[in-house]
Amino acid sequence: MTFGDLFERAAALGGDLDEADVRRALDDVRSTADGNGGDSGSDGDSGGEGNEVTDPLDPSPARVVADADALAADLLVGGDAREALDALRSHAWTTLVASDPLLDDAEAVIASLSDADLAADWRDAVEAWREPVAQPPGDHPALASAYRGGAMQVVSLDPSLTGPRAAAGLRDRMPVSVREPRAFAAVFDPAKLYPDAVGGEYPGPDRDPRTMDPVRADGDQHR
């Protein structure tokens, strides 16, 4: 199941959803989790293969976290969230970092706003894309994923994370910028990141954002 297939299925379900709907649904999911002890759907250490929380990785601007609302909006709304995540899907040398609790939240939002089958198939696709990272239980899934996974950028619809006061507080704790999808898409510049992240001259996008298949220099997919 490709992302293109998932986007078509989501569009066929209709619903006329917007980012505010997604944001409210995530608030509901996380408030319910808080009421059950603060854990986002997992027992004990969570979010990575083996469920063992390790020391944080070295930070890199090519490593990015998309919060659960941005992931769900990418699928169900499109627009700015899809543009932001297409920038990552189009480049194999970038890394989407996500803990299991982060994906649990996004899957729950998708299921609540569409249907469980679409949510499960989306989970399979994003599992194959993301790099897993373990987080301590009770931590904010997006911020914990960024801190533990060395991600210097977070894409989120949460105004409590994207506001200037939050930004100042986060910079005191870790080297991360949290932006709304539109702002992330505007500042994320693969051509500037490539020389440091990979080396050499930027060759352009190397992956189809809908299929995640490699793309040749002439723009055609490898078969």
Protein backbone atom coordinates (compact mmCIF):
# COMPACT_ATOMS: atom_id res chain seq x y z
CA MET A 1 0.00 0.00 0.00
CA THR A 2 1.64 3.24 -1.15
CA PHE A 3 1.08 6.71 0.22
CA GLY A 4 -0.58 7.59 -3.08
CA ASP A 5 -3.07 4.75 -2.57
CA LEU A 6 -3.74 5.88 0.98
CA PHE A 7 -4.33 9.48 -0.08
CA GLU A 8 -6.86 8.31 -2.69
CA ARG A 9 -8.70 6.18 -0.14
CA ALA A 10 -8.79 9.04 2.35
CA ALA A 11 -10.17 11.41 -0.32
CA ALA A 12 -12.85 8.86 -1.28
CA LEU A 13 -14.07 8.76 2.31
CA GLY A 14 -14.79 12.48 2.15
CA GLY A 15 -15.63 14.18 5.41
CA ASP A 16 -14.45 17.69 4.49
CA LEU A 17 -11.90 17.72 7.30
CA ASP A 18 -9.49 20.53 8.09
CA GLU A 19 -6.47 20.96 10.36
CA ALA A 20 -8.64 22.17 13.23
CA ASP A 21 -10.59 18.88 13.16
CA VAL A 22 -7.35 16.93 13.32
CA ARG A 23 -6.00 19.09 16.13
CA ARG A 24 -9.16 18.59 18.21
CA ALA A 25 -9.07 14.85 17.63
CA LEU A 26 -5.47 14.64 18.82
CA ASP A 27 -6.31 16.69 21.91
CA ASP A 28 -9.06 14.16 22.66
CA VAL A 29 -6.71 11.20 22.15
CA ARG A 30 -4.00 12.64 24.38
CA SER A 31 -6.38 13.84 27.07
CA THR A 32 -7.81 10.32 27.27
CA ALA A 33 -4.30 8.89 27.52
CA ASP A 34 -3.46 11.37 30.28
CA GLY A 35 -6.53 10.24 32.14
CA ASN A 36 -5.26 6.68 31.93
CA GLY A 37 -1.91 7.48 33.45
CA GLY A 38 -0.25 9.63 30.81
CA ASP A 39 0.90 6.82 28.52
CA SER A 40 0.10 7.03 24.81
CA GLY A 41 -0.91 3.46 24.29
CA SER A 42 2.13 1.41 25.37
CA ASP A 43 3.34 -0.17 28.56
CA GLY A 44 6.77 0.62 29.91
CA ASP A 45 9.54 1.95 27.70
CA SER A 46 8.20 2.44 24.23
CA GLY A 47 8.79 3.56 20.73
CA GLY A 48 11.64 1.54 19.28
CA GLU A 49 12.82 -1.92 18.43
CA GLY A 50 13.43 -3.69 21.70
CA ASN A 51 11.65 -0.87 23.59
CA GLU A 52 14.91 0.17 25.23
CA VAL A 53 15.43 3.88 25.83
CA THR A 54 18.97 4.78 24.84
CA ASP A 55 21.11 7.90 24.95
CA PRO A 56 20.06 10.65 22.51
CA LEU A 57 21.55 10.52 19.02
CA ASP A 58 23.63 13.36 17.63
CA PRO A 59 21.31 16.08 16.28
CA SER A 60 20.96 16.64 12.53
CA PRO A 61 18.73 19.02 10.53
CA ALA A 62 18.06 16.16 8.10
CA ARG A 63 16.29 14.25 10.88
CA VAL A 64 12.70 15.43 11.34
CA VAL A 65 9.76 14.57 13.58
CA ALA A 66 6.18 15.04 12.40
CA ASP A 67 3.80 15.24 15.35
CA ALA A 68 0.72 13.04 15.28
CA ASP A 69 -1.50 15.89 14.08
CA ALA A 70 0.79 16.64 11.12
CA LEU A 71 0.90 12.95 10.20
CA ALA A 72 -2.88 12.64 10.33
CA ALA A 73 -3.42 15.90 8.43
CA ASP A 74 -1.02 14.70 5.72
CA LEU A 75 -3.34 11.75 5.09
CA LEU A 76 -6.77 13.21 5.78
CA VAL A 77 -6.47 16.89 4.83
CA GLY A 78 -3.54 17.28 2.45
CA GLY A 79 -2.58 20.91 1.90
CA ASP A 80 0.30 22.29 3.94
CA ALA A 81 0.90 19.09 5.90
CA ARG A 82 1.23 17.03 2.74
CA GLU A 83 3.54 19.58 1.16
CA ALA A 84 5.74 19.50 4.24
CA LEU A 85 5.96 15.71 4.40
CA ASP A 86 6.34 15.37 0.63
CA ALA A 87 9.61 17.26 1.05
CA LEU A 88 10.81 14.40 3.29
CA ARG A 89 9.31 11.57 1.24
CA SER A 90 11.06 12.99 -1.84
CA HIS A 91 14.54 12.64 -0.31
CA ALA A 92 15.88 9.28 0.84
CA TRP A 93 18.70 10.93 2.82
CA THR A 94 16.25 12.64 5.17
CA THR A 95 14.90 10.72 8.14
CA LEU A 96 11.43 10.73 9.67
CA VAL A 97 11.91 9.93 13.36
CA ALA A 98 8.96 8.65 15.39
CA SER A 99 8.37 6.67 18.55
CA ASP A 100 5.63 4.09 18.80
CA PRO A 101 3.50 6.32 21.07
CA LEU A 102 3.67 9.05 18.42
CA LEU A 103 2.38 6.67 15.76
CA ASP A 104 -0.20 5.29 18.21
CA ASP A 105 -1.62 8.80 18.60
CA ALA A 106 -1.69 9.45 14.85
CA GLU A 107 -3.33 6.08 14.14
CA ALA A 108 -5.98 6.77 16.79
CA VAL A 109 -6.73 10.18 15.27
CA ILE A 110 -7.02 8.71 11.76
CA ALA A 111 -9.31 5.93 12.98
CA SER A 112 -11.53 8.41 14.81
CA LEU A 113 -11.90 10.69 11.80
CA SER A 114 -12.05 8.07 9.03
CA ASP A 115 -12.01 4.31 9.63
CA ALA A 116 -9.88 1.71 11.36
CA ASP A 117 -8.88 -0.11 8.16
CA LEU A 118 -7.41 3.04 6.64
CA ALA A 119 -5.64 3.81 9.91
CA ALA A 120 -4.12 0.31 10.06
CA ASP A 121 -2.93 0.44 6.45
CA TRP A 122 -1.48 3.92 7.04
CA ARG A 123 0.37 2.55 10.08
CA ASP A 124 1.96 -0.17 7.94
CA ALA A 125 3.16 2.41 5.40
CA VAL A 126 4.55 4.85 7.93
CA GLU A 127 6.24 2.04 9.88
CA ALA A 128 8.24 1.23 6.76
CA TRP A 129 9.22 4.90 6.37
CA ARG A 130 10.05 6.08 9.88
CA GLU A 131 13.13 5.39 11.94
CA PRO A 132 11.92 4.11 15.31
CA VAL A 133 13.11 5.62 18.55
CA ALA A 134 12.25 4.64 22.10
CA GLN A 135 10.95 7.18 24.58
CA PRO A 136 10.31 7.15 28.32
CA PRO A 137 6.62 6.64 29.14
CA GLY A 138 4.70 9.84 29.78
CA ASP A 139 6.97 12.10 27.72
CA HIS A 140 5.46 14.21 24.93
CA PRO A 141 5.73 11.88 21.90
CA ALA A 142 6.94 14.49 19.40
CA LEU A 143 9.45 16.19 21.68
CA ALA A 144 10.72 12.90 23.07
CA SER A 145 11.14 11.53 19.54
CA ALA A 146 13.12 14.63 18.56
CA TYR A 147 15.32 14.55 21.64
CA ARG A 148 16.02 10.82 21.59
CA GLY A 149 16.27 10.58 17.80
CA GLY A 150 18.51 13.56 17.12
CA ALA A 151 15.90 15.43 15.11
CA MET A 152 16.45 19.17 14.92
CA GLN A 153 13.08 19.94 13.35
CA VAL A 154 9.52 19.13 14.41
CA VAL A 155 6.40 19.69 12.30
CA SER A 156 3.30 20.24 14.44
CA LEU A 157 -0.11 21.90 14.45
CA ASP A 158 0.04 22.42 18.22
CA PRO A 159 0.14 26.16 19.02
CA SER A 160 1.57 25.38 22.45
CA LEU A 161 4.68 24.05 20.68
CA THR A 162 4.96 26.48 17.77
CA GLY A 163 4.59 29.78 19.67
CA PRO A 164 7.58 32.03 20.42
CA ARG A 165 7.50 31.36 24.16
CA ALA A 166 7.61 27.61 23.60
CA ALA A 167 10.41 28.01 21.06
CA ALA A 168 12.56 29.92 23.54
CA GLY A 169 11.99 27.32 26.23
CA LEU A 170 12.82 24.42 23.93
CA ARG A 171 16.03 26.01 22.67
CA ASP A 172 17.27 26.08 26.26
CA ARG A 173 16.83 22.31 26.46
CA MET A 174 17.71 20.95 23.01
CA PRO A 175 18.58 22.15 19.49
CA VAL A 176 15.15 21.88 17.89
CA SER A 177 12.78 24.11 15.95
CA VAL A 178 9.03 23.41 15.97
CA ARG A 179 7.08 24.79 13.02
CA GLU A 180 3.63 24.53 11.54
CA PRO A 181 3.58 22.61 8.25
CA ARG A 182 3.41 25.73 6.08
CA ALA A 183 6.39 27.31 7.85
CA PHE A 184 8.38 24.08 7.67
CA ALA A 185 7.75 23.73 3.93
CA ALA A 186 8.87 27.33 3.43
CA VAL A 187 12.20 26.97 5.26
CA PHE A 188 13.16 23.36 4.57
CA ASP A 189 15.79 23.65 1.83
CA PRO A 190 17.18 20.29 0.65
CA ALA A 191 19.74 22.00 -1.60
CA LYS A 192 21.32 23.73 1.40
CA LEU A 193 21.16 20.66 3.65
CA TYR A 194 22.54 18.16 1.13
CA PRO A 195 26.25 19.17 1.15
CA ASP A 196 26.49 18.69 4.93
CA ALA A 197 24.09 15.75 5.23
CA VAL A 198 25.40 13.73 2.28
CA GLY A 199 28.19 15.63 0.56
CA GLY A 200 28.60 16.91 -2.95
CA GLU A 201 26.21 18.80 -5.17
CA TYR A 202 22.48 18.46 -4.57
CA PRO A 203 21.03 16.23 -7.32
CA GLY A 204 17.38 17.04 -6.70
CA PRO A 205 14.66 14.77 -5.29
CA ASP A 206 15.64 11.11 -5.43
CA ARG A 207 12.37 9.44 -4.41
CA ASP A 208 8.76 9.49 -5.55
CA PRO A 209 6.78 10.94 -2.60
CA ARG A 210 3.74 8.79 -3.41
CA THR A 211 5.45 5.42 -3.86
CA MET A 212 8.76 5.98 -2.04
CA ASP A 213 10.47 4.39 -5.05
CA PRO A 214 13.86 5.76 -6.23
CA VAL A 215 13.85 8.30 -9.05
CA ARG A 216 16.57 8.55 -11.67
CA ALA A 217 18.22 11.82 -12.61
CA ASP A 218 15.90 12.09 -15.62
CA GLY A 219 12.90 12.04 -13.29
CA ASP A 220 11.69 8.52 -14.09
CA GLN A 221 11.16 5.92 -11.39
CA HIS A 222 13.45 2.91 -11.27
CA ARG A 223 11.50 -0.19 -12.17
